[in-house]
Amino acid sequence: MIRLDRIYTRGGDGGMTSTGDGQRVSKLHARIVAGGSVDETNCALGVAISAGPTAEVSEVLRGLQQFLFDLGADLCVPLPVAGQPDLLKSRLSSGDAEHLERLIDRFTARQAPLNSFVLPGGSPAAAQLHLARSICRRAELDVLRMQAAEPMNSAIAICLNRLSDLLFVLARAANDDGRNDVLWEPRNAN
């Protein structure tokens, strides 16, 4: 269990912070920016839970919040250099993406077919889940930018991609399995 004795440390007052392995980096470092987007995604899930989705959706969202902390830990602790031990006991894997896919399939199986693009809206929980989905997409992009600059666990970006898909499906679940979705109505192009 982690114990936090002090919330403020003053260590970041100069624009620097520490990664999970103790390296001091700028708060503008790609790893820190990506971690912030993952944290923002998690916060958006908390807001979605407070909007009152079904007990089933709430339970899945609480599990996803825990998962996002695991993902954030993987992101925060750089991969070990050759010959060094990994400081993180457990990293994300393809099994995590497969778990997200199973959740997507479970909810999609009972949803109304898609005949149009879905606009963010409907119930308060659905609207919040659409917002969480868009934040998750940005987190994925931040991770991909970081991945282009330094080695990292490729499962992180894959899981964020699946998570954004799952959040779309959960938003539809919060709209009575898609029956109350707000659909895009294209303008007549004349």
N, C-alpha and C. Protein backbone atom coordinates (compact mmCIF):
# COMPACT_ATOMS: atom_id res chain seq x y z
N MET A 1 0.84 -1.18 0.00
CA MET A 1 0.00 0.00 0.00
C MET A 1 0.89 1.24 0.00
N ILE A 2 0.46 2.23 -0.72
CA ILE A 2 1.20 3.49 -0.80
C ILE A 2 0.75 4.40 0.33
N ARG A 3 1.70 5.10 0.92
CA ARG A 3 1.38 6.02 2.00
C ARG A 3 1.89 7.40 1.61
N LEU A 4 1.00 8.38 1.66
CA LEU A 4 1.37 9.76 1.36
C LEU A 4 1.26 10.58 2.63
N ASP A 5 2.39 11.01 3.16
CA ASP A 5 2.39 11.78 4.40
C ASP A 5 2.17 13.27 4.14
N ARG A 6 2.66 13.73 2.99
CA ARG A 6 2.52 15.16 2.66
C ARG A 6 2.01 15.29 1.24
N ILE A 7 1.09 16.19 1.02
CA ILE A 7 0.55 16.43 -0.31
C ILE A 7 1.46 17.38 -1.08
N TYR A 8 1.98 18.39 -0.44
CA TYR A 8 2.90 19.30 -1.13
C TYR A 8 4.33 19.01 -0.72
N THR A 9 5.22 19.12 -1.70
CA THR A 9 6.65 18.86 -1.44
C THR A 9 7.52 20.06 -1.81
N ARG A 10 6.98 20.97 -2.59
CA ARG A 10 7.70 22.13 -3.13
C ARG A 10 8.72 21.73 -4.19
N GLY A 11 8.82 20.42 -4.48
CA GLY A 11 9.79 19.94 -5.45
C GLY A 11 9.46 20.32 -6.89
N GLY A 12 8.22 20.68 -7.14
CA GLY A 12 7.83 21.04 -8.49
C GLY A 12 7.70 22.53 -8.73
N ASP A 13 8.06 23.32 -7.74
CA ASP A 13 7.87 24.77 -7.86
C ASP A 13 8.68 25.39 -8.99
N GLY A 14 9.78 24.77 -9.37
CA GLY A 14 10.62 25.30 -10.44
C GLY A 14 10.30 24.71 -11.81
N GLY A 15 9.16 24.02 -11.91
CA GLY A 15 8.78 23.47 -13.19
C GLY A 15 9.34 22.08 -13.47
N MET A 16 9.90 21.44 -12.46
CA MET A 16 10.45 20.10 -12.60
C MET A 16 9.64 19.14 -11.73
N THR A 17 9.67 17.87 -12.10
CA THR A 17 9.01 16.83 -11.31
C THR A 17 9.80 15.54 -11.47
N SER A 18 9.38 14.51 -10.79
CA SER A 18 10.10 13.24 -10.85
C SER A 18 9.28 12.19 -11.56
N THR A 19 9.96 11.35 -12.33
CA THR A 19 9.31 10.18 -12.93
C THR A 19 9.30 9.07 -11.88
N GLY A 20 8.68 7.96 -12.22
CA GLY A 20 8.55 6.86 -11.28
C GLY A 20 9.86 6.22 -10.88
N ASP A 21 10.92 6.47 -11.65
CA ASP A 21 12.23 5.92 -11.28
C ASP A 21 13.14 6.98 -10.63
N GLY A 22 12.57 8.14 -10.32
CA GLY A 22 13.31 9.18 -9.62
C GLY A 22 14.01 10.20 -10.48
N GLN A 23 13.97 10.05 -11.80
CA GLN A 23 14.59 11.05 -12.68
C GLN A 23 13.85 12.38 -12.54
N ARG A 24 14.59 13.47 -12.55
CA ARG A 24 13.97 14.79 -12.54
C ARG A 24 13.84 15.25 -13.99
N VAL A 25 12.63 15.63 -14.36
CA VAL A 25 12.35 16.08 -15.72
C VAL A 25 11.45 17.30 -15.67
N SER A 26 11.40 18.02 -16.77
CA SER A 26 10.50 19.16 -16.89
C SER A 26 9.06 18.69 -16.85
N LYS A 27 8.19 19.50 -16.28
CA LYS A 27 6.77 19.18 -16.29
C LYS A 27 6.20 19.22 -17.71
N LEU A 28 6.99 19.75 -18.64
CA LEU A 28 6.60 19.78 -20.05
C LEU A 28 7.08 18.54 -20.80
N HIS A 29 7.81 17.64 -20.13
CA HIS A 29 8.31 16.41 -20.74
C HIS A 29 7.11 15.59 -21.22
N ALA A 30 7.27 14.92 -22.35
CA ALA A 30 6.18 14.15 -22.95
C ALA A 30 5.60 13.12 -21.99
N ARG A 31 6.42 12.52 -21.15
CA ARG A 31 5.94 11.52 -20.19
C ARG A 31 4.98 12.15 -19.18
N ILE A 32 5.29 13.36 -18.74
CA ILE A 32 4.47 14.05 -17.75
C ILE A 32 3.16 14.53 -18.40
N VAL A 33 3.27 15.06 -19.62
CA VAL A 33 2.07 15.51 -20.34
C VAL A 33 1.12 14.34 -20.57
N ALA A 34 1.66 13.21 -21.02
CA ALA A 34 0.82 12.03 -21.26
C ALA A 34 0.20 11.55 -19.96
N GLY A 35 0.96 11.54 -18.88
CA GLY A 35 0.42 11.13 -17.59
C GLY A 35 -0.70 12.04 -17.13
N GLY A 36 -0.57 13.33 -17.42
CA GLY A 36 -1.64 14.27 -17.08
C GLY A 36 -2.92 13.99 -17.85
N SER A 37 -2.79 13.62 -19.11
CA SER A 37 -3.97 13.30 -19.92
C SER A 37 -4.64 12.01 -19.44
N VAL A 38 -3.83 11.05 -19.01
CA VAL A 38 -4.39 9.81 -18.45
C VAL A 38 -5.12 10.13 -17.16
N ASP A 39 -4.53 10.98 -16.32
CA ASP A 39 -5.18 11.39 -15.08
C ASP A 39 -6.49 12.12 -15.37
N GLU A 40 -6.49 12.99 -16.37
CA GLU A 40 -7.70 13.71 -16.74
C GLU A 40 -8.79 12.74 -17.21
N THR A 41 -8.40 11.70 -17.94
CA THR A 41 -9.36 10.67 -18.36
C THR A 41 -9.98 10.02 -17.13
N ASN A 42 -9.15 9.69 -16.15
CA ASN A 42 -9.63 9.06 -14.94
C ASN A 42 -10.60 9.98 -14.19
N CYS A 43 -10.27 11.26 -14.13
CA CYS A 43 -11.17 12.22 -13.48
C CYS A 43 -12.51 12.28 -14.19
N ALA A 44 -12.47 12.25 -15.52
CA ALA A 44 -13.72 12.29 -16.30
C ALA A 44 -14.56 11.05 -16.02
N LEU A 45 -13.93 9.90 -15.79
CA LEU A 45 -14.68 8.70 -15.43
C LEU A 45 -15.37 8.89 -14.08
N GLY A 46 -14.69 9.54 -13.14
CA GLY A 46 -15.30 9.82 -11.85
C GLY A 46 -16.53 10.71 -11.98
N VAL A 47 -16.44 11.71 -12.86
CA VAL A 47 -17.59 12.58 -13.10
C VAL A 47 -18.72 11.78 -13.75
N ALA A 48 -18.38 10.90 -14.68
CA ALA A 48 -19.40 10.06 -15.33
C ALA A 48 -20.10 9.17 -14.32
N ILE A 49 -19.36 8.61 -13.38
CA ILE A 49 -19.96 7.77 -12.34
C ILE A 49 -20.94 8.61 -11.52
N SER A 50 -20.54 9.84 -11.19
CA SER A 50 -21.41 10.70 -10.37
C SER A 50 -22.67 11.12 -11.11
N ALA A 51 -22.69 10.97 -12.45
CA ALA A 51 -23.87 11.31 -13.25
C ALA A 51 -24.94 10.22 -13.20
N GLY A 52 -24.64 9.12 -12.54
CA GLY A 52 -25.65 8.11 -12.26
C GLY A 52 -25.98 7.11 -13.35
N PRO A 53 -24.97 6.51 -13.99
CA PRO A 53 -25.30 5.44 -14.93
C PRO A 53 -25.81 4.21 -14.17
N THR A 54 -26.17 3.18 -14.87
CA THR A 54 -26.63 1.95 -14.23
C THR A 54 -25.55 1.39 -13.31
N ALA A 55 -25.96 0.53 -12.41
CA ALA A 55 -25.00 -0.11 -11.50
C ALA A 55 -23.97 -0.90 -12.30
N GLU A 56 -24.39 -1.55 -13.37
CA GLU A 56 -23.46 -2.33 -14.19
C GLU A 56 -22.40 -1.44 -14.82
N VAL A 57 -22.82 -0.32 -15.40
CA VAL A 57 -21.87 0.60 -16.03
C VAL A 57 -20.96 1.23 -14.96
N SER A 58 -21.54 1.60 -13.82
CA SER A 58 -20.73 2.18 -12.74
C SER A 58 -19.64 1.21 -12.28
N GLU A 59 -19.99 -0.05 -12.16
CA GLU A 59 -19.01 -1.06 -11.73
C GLU A 59 -17.87 -1.17 -12.75
N VAL A 60 -18.21 -1.17 -14.03
CA VAL A 60 -17.18 -1.23 -15.07
C VAL A 60 -16.30 0.02 -15.00
N LEU A 61 -16.91 1.18 -14.81
CA LEU A 61 -16.14 2.43 -14.76
C LEU A 61 -15.20 2.46 -13.56
N ARG A 62 -15.65 1.95 -12.43
CA ARG A 62 -14.76 1.90 -11.25
C ARG A 62 -13.56 0.98 -11.53
N GLY A 63 -13.80 -0.12 -12.20
CA GLY A 63 -12.69 -0.99 -12.59
C GLY A 63 -11.75 -0.30 -13.56
N LEU A 64 -12.31 0.50 -14.47
CA LEU A 64 -11.47 1.23 -15.42
C LEU A 64 -10.64 2.29 -14.72
N GLN A 65 -11.18 2.90 -13.67
CA GLN A 65 -10.39 3.86 -12.92
C GLN A 65 -9.17 3.18 -12.29
N GLN A 66 -9.37 2.00 -11.73
CA GLN A 66 -8.24 1.25 -11.17
C GLN A 66 -7.23 0.91 -12.27
N PHE A 67 -7.75 0.47 -13.42
CA PHE A 67 -6.90 0.12 -14.56
C PHE A 67 -6.08 1.33 -15.01
N LEU A 68 -6.70 2.51 -15.04
CA LEU A 68 -5.97 3.71 -15.48
C LEU A 68 -4.83 4.05 -14.52
N PHE A 69 -4.97 3.71 -13.24
CA PHE A 69 -3.84 3.92 -12.33
C PHE A 69 -2.71 2.96 -12.67
N ASP A 70 -3.04 1.71 -13.02
CA ASP A 70 -2.00 0.77 -13.45
C ASP A 70 -1.33 1.26 -14.73
N LEU A 71 -2.14 1.76 -15.66
CA LEU A 71 -1.61 2.29 -16.91
C LEU A 71 -0.70 3.48 -16.63
N GLY A 72 -1.15 4.36 -15.74
CA GLY A 72 -0.35 5.53 -15.38
C GLY A 72 0.98 5.15 -14.74
N ALA A 73 0.97 4.08 -13.94
CA ALA A 73 2.22 3.61 -13.34
C ALA A 73 3.18 3.13 -14.41
N ASP A 74 2.64 2.39 -15.39
CA ASP A 74 3.47 1.89 -16.49
C ASP A 74 4.06 3.07 -17.27
N LEU A 75 3.27 4.09 -17.44
CA LEU A 75 3.71 5.27 -18.17
C LEU A 75 4.75 6.06 -17.36
N CYS A 76 4.58 6.11 -16.06
CA CYS A 76 5.42 6.92 -15.18
C CYS A 76 6.81 6.33 -14.96
N VAL A 77 6.90 5.00 -15.01
CA VAL A 77 8.19 4.34 -14.75
C VAL A 77 8.80 3.93 -16.09
N PRO A 78 9.87 4.59 -16.51
CA PRO A 78 10.49 4.25 -17.80
C PRO A 78 10.88 2.77 -17.86
N LEU A 79 10.91 2.26 -19.08
CA LEU A 79 11.38 0.88 -19.27
C LEU A 79 12.83 0.79 -18.82
N PRO A 80 13.24 -0.36 -18.30
CA PRO A 80 14.64 -0.48 -17.85
C PRO A 80 15.60 -0.51 -19.04
N VAL A 81 16.79 -0.03 -18.80
CA VAL A 81 17.84 -0.15 -19.81
C VAL A 81 18.39 -1.56 -19.72
N ALA A 82 19.02 -2.02 -20.78
CA ALA A 82 19.54 -3.39 -20.84
C ALA A 82 20.38 -3.72 -19.61
N GLY A 83 20.08 -4.86 -19.03
CA GLY A 83 20.84 -5.33 -17.88
C GLY A 83 20.34 -4.81 -16.54
N GLN A 84 19.42 -3.87 -16.56
CA GLN A 84 18.88 -3.31 -15.32
C GLN A 84 17.54 -3.96 -14.99
N PRO A 85 17.20 -4.10 -13.71
CA PRO A 85 15.90 -4.67 -13.35
C PRO A 85 14.78 -3.67 -13.63
N ASP A 86 13.61 -4.19 -13.88
CA ASP A 86 12.43 -3.33 -14.08
C ASP A 86 11.94 -2.89 -12.71
N LEU A 87 11.80 -1.60 -12.51
CA LEU A 87 11.34 -1.07 -11.23
C LEU A 87 9.84 -1.25 -11.03
N LEU A 88 9.13 -1.57 -12.10
CA LEU A 88 7.68 -1.77 -12.01
C LEU A 88 7.40 -3.26 -11.97
N LYS A 89 6.65 -3.69 -10.99
CA LYS A 89 6.37 -5.12 -10.81
C LYS A 89 5.51 -5.69 -11.93
N SER A 90 4.60 -4.88 -12.46
CA SER A 90 3.67 -5.38 -13.47
C SER A 90 3.44 -4.31 -14.53
N ARG A 91 3.59 -4.70 -15.78
CA ARG A 91 3.34 -3.79 -16.90
C ARG A 91 2.11 -4.26 -17.67
N LEU A 92 1.51 -3.35 -18.41
CA LEU A 92 0.38 -3.71 -19.25
C LEU A 92 0.83 -4.70 -20.31
N SER A 93 -0.14 -5.48 -20.80
CA SER A 93 0.16 -6.48 -21.83
C SER A 93 -1.00 -6.57 -22.81
N SER A 94 -0.84 -7.42 -23.81
CA SER A 94 -1.92 -7.63 -24.78
C SER A 94 -3.17 -8.17 -24.09
N GLY A 95 -3.00 -8.86 -22.97
CA GLY A 95 -4.16 -9.37 -22.22
C GLY A 95 -5.05 -8.25 -21.71
N ASP A 96 -4.45 -7.10 -21.40
CA ASP A 96 -5.26 -5.96 -20.94
C ASP A 96 -6.12 -5.43 -22.09
N ALA A 97 -5.56 -5.32 -23.27
CA ALA A 97 -6.33 -4.88 -24.44
C ALA A 97 -7.44 -5.89 -24.74
N GLU A 98 -7.14 -7.16 -24.62
CA GLU A 98 -8.16 -8.20 -24.87
C GLU A 98 -9.29 -8.11 -23.86
N HIS A 99 -8.99 -7.78 -22.61
CA HIS A 99 -10.04 -7.60 -21.60
C HIS A 99 -10.96 -6.45 -21.99
N LEU A 100 -10.37 -5.35 -22.45
CA LEU A 100 -11.18 -4.21 -22.89
C LEU A 100 -12.04 -4.60 -24.10
N GLU A 101 -11.48 -5.39 -25.01
CA GLU A 101 -12.25 -5.84 -26.17
C GLU A 101 -13.44 -6.71 -25.75
N ARG A 102 -13.24 -7.57 -24.75
CA ARG A 102 -14.35 -8.40 -24.26
C ARG A 102 -15.47 -7.53 -23.68
N LEU A 103 -15.09 -6.46 -22.97
CA LEU A 103 -16.10 -5.54 -22.44
C LEU A 103 -16.84 -4.84 -23.58
N ILE A 104 -16.10 -4.41 -24.60
CA ILE A 104 -16.73 -3.78 -25.76
C ILE A 104 -17.74 -4.74 -26.38
N ASP A 105 -17.33 -5.97 -26.60
CA ASP A 105 -18.22 -6.97 -27.21
C ASP A 105 -19.45 -7.23 -26.35
N ARG A 106 -19.26 -7.30 -25.03
CA ARG A 106 -20.37 -7.57 -24.11
C ARG A 106 -21.45 -6.50 -24.20
N PHE A 107 -21.06 -5.24 -24.23
CA PHE A 107 -22.04 -4.16 -24.29
C PHE A 107 -22.59 -3.97 -25.70
N THR A 108 -21.75 -4.12 -26.71
CA THR A 108 -22.19 -3.92 -28.09
C THR A 108 -23.25 -4.93 -28.49
N ALA A 109 -23.15 -6.15 -27.97
CA ALA A 109 -24.07 -7.23 -28.36
C ALA A 109 -25.53 -6.89 -28.10
N ARG A 110 -25.80 -6.02 -27.16
CA ARG A 110 -27.20 -5.70 -26.84
C ARG A 110 -27.63 -4.30 -27.28
N GLN A 111 -26.76 -3.63 -28.02
CA GLN A 111 -27.07 -2.25 -28.40
C GLN A 111 -27.75 -2.17 -29.76
N ALA A 112 -28.54 -1.10 -29.91
CA ALA A 112 -29.19 -0.84 -31.18
C ALA A 112 -28.13 -0.65 -32.26
N PRO A 113 -28.39 -1.13 -33.47
CA PRO A 113 -27.41 -0.96 -34.56
C PRO A 113 -27.16 0.52 -34.84
N LEU A 114 -25.95 0.81 -35.29
CA LEU A 114 -25.59 2.19 -35.64
C LEU A 114 -25.96 2.45 -37.09
N ASN A 115 -26.79 3.46 -37.32
CA ASN A 115 -27.18 3.86 -38.67
C ASN A 115 -26.73 5.28 -38.97
N SER A 116 -26.05 5.90 -38.02
CA SER A 116 -25.57 7.26 -38.17
C SER A 116 -24.45 7.46 -37.16
N PHE A 117 -23.75 8.57 -37.28
CA PHE A 117 -22.78 8.93 -36.26
C PHE A 117 -23.53 9.41 -35.03
N VAL A 118 -22.96 9.16 -33.86
CA VAL A 118 -23.59 9.53 -32.59
C VAL A 118 -22.96 10.82 -32.09
N LEU A 119 -23.80 11.78 -31.73
CA LEU A 119 -23.33 13.03 -31.15
C LEU A 119 -23.20 12.86 -29.63
N PRO A 120 -22.26 13.56 -29.02
CA PRO A 120 -22.17 13.51 -27.56
C PRO A 120 -23.44 14.09 -26.95
N GLY A 121 -24.10 13.33 -26.12
CA GLY A 121 -25.31 13.82 -25.48
C GLY A 121 -26.21 12.70 -25.04
N GLY A 122 -27.46 13.05 -24.84
CA GLY A 122 -28.43 12.10 -24.32
C GLY A 122 -28.51 12.27 -22.82
N SER A 123 -28.34 11.21 -22.10
CA SER A 123 -28.39 11.29 -20.63
C SER A 123 -27.13 11.99 -20.11
N PRO A 124 -27.20 12.54 -18.89
CA PRO A 124 -25.99 13.16 -18.33
C PRO A 124 -24.80 12.19 -18.27
N ALA A 125 -25.06 10.93 -17.91
CA ALA A 125 -23.96 9.95 -17.85
C ALA A 125 -23.37 9.72 -19.24
N ALA A 126 -24.23 9.61 -20.25
CA ALA A 126 -23.74 9.40 -21.62
C ALA A 126 -22.90 10.58 -22.08
N ALA A 127 -23.37 11.80 -21.81
CA ALA A 127 -22.62 12.99 -22.21
C ALA A 127 -21.25 13.01 -21.53
N GLN A 128 -21.20 12.66 -20.25
CA GLN A 128 -19.93 12.63 -19.53
C GLN A 128 -19.02 11.54 -20.08
N LEU A 129 -19.59 10.41 -20.46
CA LEU A 129 -18.77 9.33 -21.03
C LEU A 129 -18.21 9.72 -22.39
N HIS A 130 -18.98 10.48 -23.18
CA HIS A 130 -18.45 10.97 -24.45
C HIS A 130 -17.29 11.94 -24.20
N LEU A 131 -17.41 12.77 -23.18
CA LEU A 131 -16.31 13.67 -22.84
C LEU A 131 -15.09 12.87 -22.41
N ALA A 132 -15.30 11.85 -21.58
CA ALA A 132 -14.19 10.99 -21.16
C ALA A 132 -13.54 10.33 -22.36
N ARG A 133 -14.35 9.90 -23.33
CA ARG A 133 -13.84 9.26 -24.55
C ARG A 133 -12.93 10.22 -25.31
N SER A 134 -13.34 11.47 -25.44
CA SER A 134 -12.52 12.41 -26.20
C SER A 134 -11.23 12.75 -25.45
N ILE A 135 -11.28 12.81 -24.14
CA ILE A 135 -10.06 13.04 -23.35
C ILE A 135 -9.12 11.84 -23.50
N CYS A 136 -9.70 10.64 -23.49
CA CYS A 136 -8.90 9.43 -23.66
C CYS A 136 -8.20 9.42 -25.03
N ARG A 137 -8.89 9.88 -26.06
CA ARG A 137 -8.27 9.97 -27.40
C ARG A 137 -7.05 10.89 -27.35
N ARG A 138 -7.18 12.02 -26.64
CA ARG A 138 -6.04 12.93 -26.52
C ARG A 138 -4.91 12.27 -25.74
N ALA A 139 -5.26 11.52 -24.69
CA ALA A 139 -4.23 10.81 -23.93
C ALA A 139 -3.48 9.84 -24.84
N GLU A 140 -4.22 9.15 -25.70
CA GLU A 140 -3.57 8.23 -26.64
C GLU A 140 -2.59 8.98 -27.54
N LEU A 141 -2.99 10.14 -28.05
CA LEU A 141 -2.10 10.93 -28.91
C LEU A 141 -0.86 11.40 -28.14
N ASP A 142 -1.05 11.81 -26.88
CA ASP A 142 0.10 12.22 -26.08
C ASP A 142 1.07 11.06 -25.88
N VAL A 143 0.52 9.86 -25.65
CA VAL A 143 1.37 8.68 -25.49
C VAL A 143 2.10 8.36 -26.79
N LEU A 144 1.41 8.46 -27.91
CA LEU A 144 2.05 8.20 -29.20
C LEU A 144 3.18 9.19 -29.48
N ARG A 145 3.00 10.45 -29.11
CA ARG A 145 4.08 11.44 -29.26
C ARG A 145 5.28 11.03 -28.42
N MET A 146 5.01 10.59 -27.21
CA MET A 146 6.10 10.16 -26.34
C MET A 146 6.78 8.92 -26.91
N GLN A 147 5.98 7.99 -27.39
CA GLN A 147 6.50 6.74 -27.95
C GLN A 147 7.42 7.02 -29.15
N ALA A 148 7.16 8.10 -29.88
CA ALA A 148 8.00 8.46 -31.01
C ALA A 148 9.37 8.99 -30.55
N ALA A 149 9.43 9.44 -29.29
CA ALA A 149 10.66 10.05 -28.79
C ALA A 149 11.51 9.11 -27.94
N GLU A 150 10.88 8.12 -27.31
CA GLU A 150 11.65 7.23 -26.43
C GLU A 150 10.95 5.88 -26.29
N PRO A 151 11.70 4.86 -25.92
CA PRO A 151 11.09 3.54 -25.79
C PRO A 151 10.05 3.51 -24.67
N MET A 152 8.97 2.81 -24.93
CA MET A 152 7.95 2.62 -23.90
C MET A 152 7.14 1.39 -24.23
N ASN A 153 6.36 0.95 -23.29
CA ASN A 153 5.52 -0.22 -23.45
C ASN A 153 4.43 0.09 -24.49
N SER A 154 4.46 -0.59 -25.62
CA SER A 154 3.50 -0.32 -26.69
C SER A 154 2.06 -0.66 -26.29
N ALA A 155 1.89 -1.48 -25.26
CA ALA A 155 0.55 -1.84 -24.82
C ALA A 155 -0.20 -0.64 -24.26
N ILE A 156 0.52 0.40 -23.82
CA ILE A 156 -0.15 1.57 -23.25
C ILE A 156 -1.02 2.25 -24.31
N ALA A 157 -0.45 2.55 -25.47
CA ALA A 157 -1.22 3.22 -26.52
C ALA A 157 -2.35 2.33 -27.02
N ILE A 158 -2.08 1.04 -27.16
CA ILE A 158 -3.12 0.11 -27.62
C ILE A 158 -4.28 0.10 -26.63
N CYS A 159 -3.98 0.04 -25.34
CA CYS A 159 -5.04 0.02 -24.33
C CYS A 159 -5.84 1.32 -24.32
N LEU A 160 -5.18 2.45 -24.51
CA LEU A 160 -5.92 3.71 -24.57
C LEU A 160 -6.83 3.75 -25.79
N ASN A 161 -6.37 3.18 -26.90
CA ASN A 161 -7.21 3.11 -28.10
C ASN A 161 -8.45 2.27 -27.82
N ARG A 162 -8.28 1.12 -27.19
CA ARG A 162 -9.43 0.26 -26.87
C ARG A 162 -10.32 0.92 -25.83
N LEU A 163 -9.71 1.61 -24.87
CA LEU A 163 -10.50 2.25 -23.83
C LEU A 163 -11.41 3.32 -24.41
N SER A 164 -10.91 4.09 -25.36
CA SER A 164 -11.78 5.12 -25.96
C SER A 164 -12.95 4.46 -26.70
N ASP A 165 -12.70 3.33 -27.35
CA ASP A 165 -13.80 2.59 -27.99
C ASP A 165 -14.80 2.09 -26.95
N LEU A 166 -14.28 1.58 -25.84
CA LEU A 166 -15.16 1.10 -24.78
C LEU A 166 -15.99 2.24 -24.20
N LEU A 167 -15.40 3.41 -24.03
CA LEU A 167 -16.15 4.54 -23.49
C LEU A 167 -17.27 4.96 -24.43
N PHE A 168 -17.05 4.84 -25.74
CA PHE A 168 -18.11 5.11 -26.70
C PHE A 168 -19.27 4.13 -26.48
N VAL A 169 -18.93 2.86 -26.36
CA VAL A 169 -19.95 1.82 -26.16
C VAL A 169 -20.67 2.02 -24.82
N LEU A 170 -19.93 2.41 -23.79
CA LEU A 170 -20.56 2.65 -22.49
C LEU A 170 -21.46 3.88 -22.52
N ALA A 171 -21.09 4.89 -23.32
CA ALA A 171 -21.97 6.05 -23.49
C ALA A 171 -23.29 5.62 -24.13
N ARG A 172 -23.21 4.73 -25.09
CA ARG A 172 -24.43 4.20 -25.70
C ARG A 172 -25.23 3.38 -24.69
N ALA A 173 -24.53 2.64 -23.84
CA ALA A 173 -25.22 1.88 -22.79
C ALA A 173 -25.97 2.83 -21.86
N ALA A 174 -25.37 3.99 -21.56
CA ALA A 174 -26.01 4.98 -20.69
C ALA A 174 -27.17 5.69 -21.39
N ASN A 175 -27.28 5.51 -22.69
CA ASN A 175 -28.42 6.04 -23.46
C ASN A 175 -29.37 4.91 -23.82
N ASP A 176 -29.67 4.07 -22.85
CA ASP A 176 -30.59 2.94 -23.04
C ASP A 176 -30.13 2.08 -24.21
N ASP A 177 -28.86 1.70 -24.14
CA ASP A 177 -28.23 0.85 -25.15
C ASP A 177 -28.38 1.39 -26.57
N GLY A 178 -28.30 2.69 -26.68
CA GLY A 178 -28.32 3.34 -28.00
C GLY A 178 -29.69 3.82 -28.44
N ARG A 179 -30.74 3.40 -27.75
CA ARG A 179 -32.08 3.81 -28.18
C ARG A 179 -32.32 5.30 -27.98
N ASN A 180 -31.59 5.92 -27.06
CA ASN A 180 -31.73 7.36 -26.82
C ASN A 180 -30.50 8.15 -27.25
N ASP A 181 -29.70 7.56 -28.13
CA ASP A 181 -28.55 8.30 -28.68
C ASP A 181 -29.03 9.53 -29.44
N VAL A 182 -28.17 10.55 -29.43
CA VAL A 182 -28.42 11.73 -30.26
C VAL A 182 -27.64 11.51 -31.54
N LEU A 183 -28.36 11.44 -32.66
CA LEU A 183 -27.73 11.09 -33.93
C LEU A 183 -27.42 12.33 -34.77
N TRP A 184 -26.36 12.24 -35.52
CA TRP A 184 -25.98 13.29 -36.46
C TRP A 184 -26.96 13.31 -37.62
N GLU A 185 -27.42 14.51 -37.95
CA GLU A 185 -28.30 14.69 -39.10
C GLU A 185 -27.58 15.61 -40.08
N PRO A 186 -26.97 15.05 -41.12
CA PRO A 186 -26.19 15.86 -42.06
C PRO A 186 -27.05 16.93 -42.74
N ARG A 187 -26.44 18.08 -42.98
CA ARG A 187 -27.12 19.14 -43.75
C ARG A 187 -27.27 18.69 -45.18
N ASN A 188 -28.28 19.19 -45.82
CA ASN A 188 -28.42 18.93 -47.25
C ASN A 188 -27.34 19.72 -47.97
N ALA A 189 -26.57 19.03 -48.77
CA ALA A 189 -25.48 19.67 -49.53
C ALA A 189 -26.01 20.01 -50.92
N ASN A 190 -26.55 21.19 -51.06
CA ASN A 190 -27.06 21.65 -52.38
C ASN A 190 -26.22 22.76 -52.92
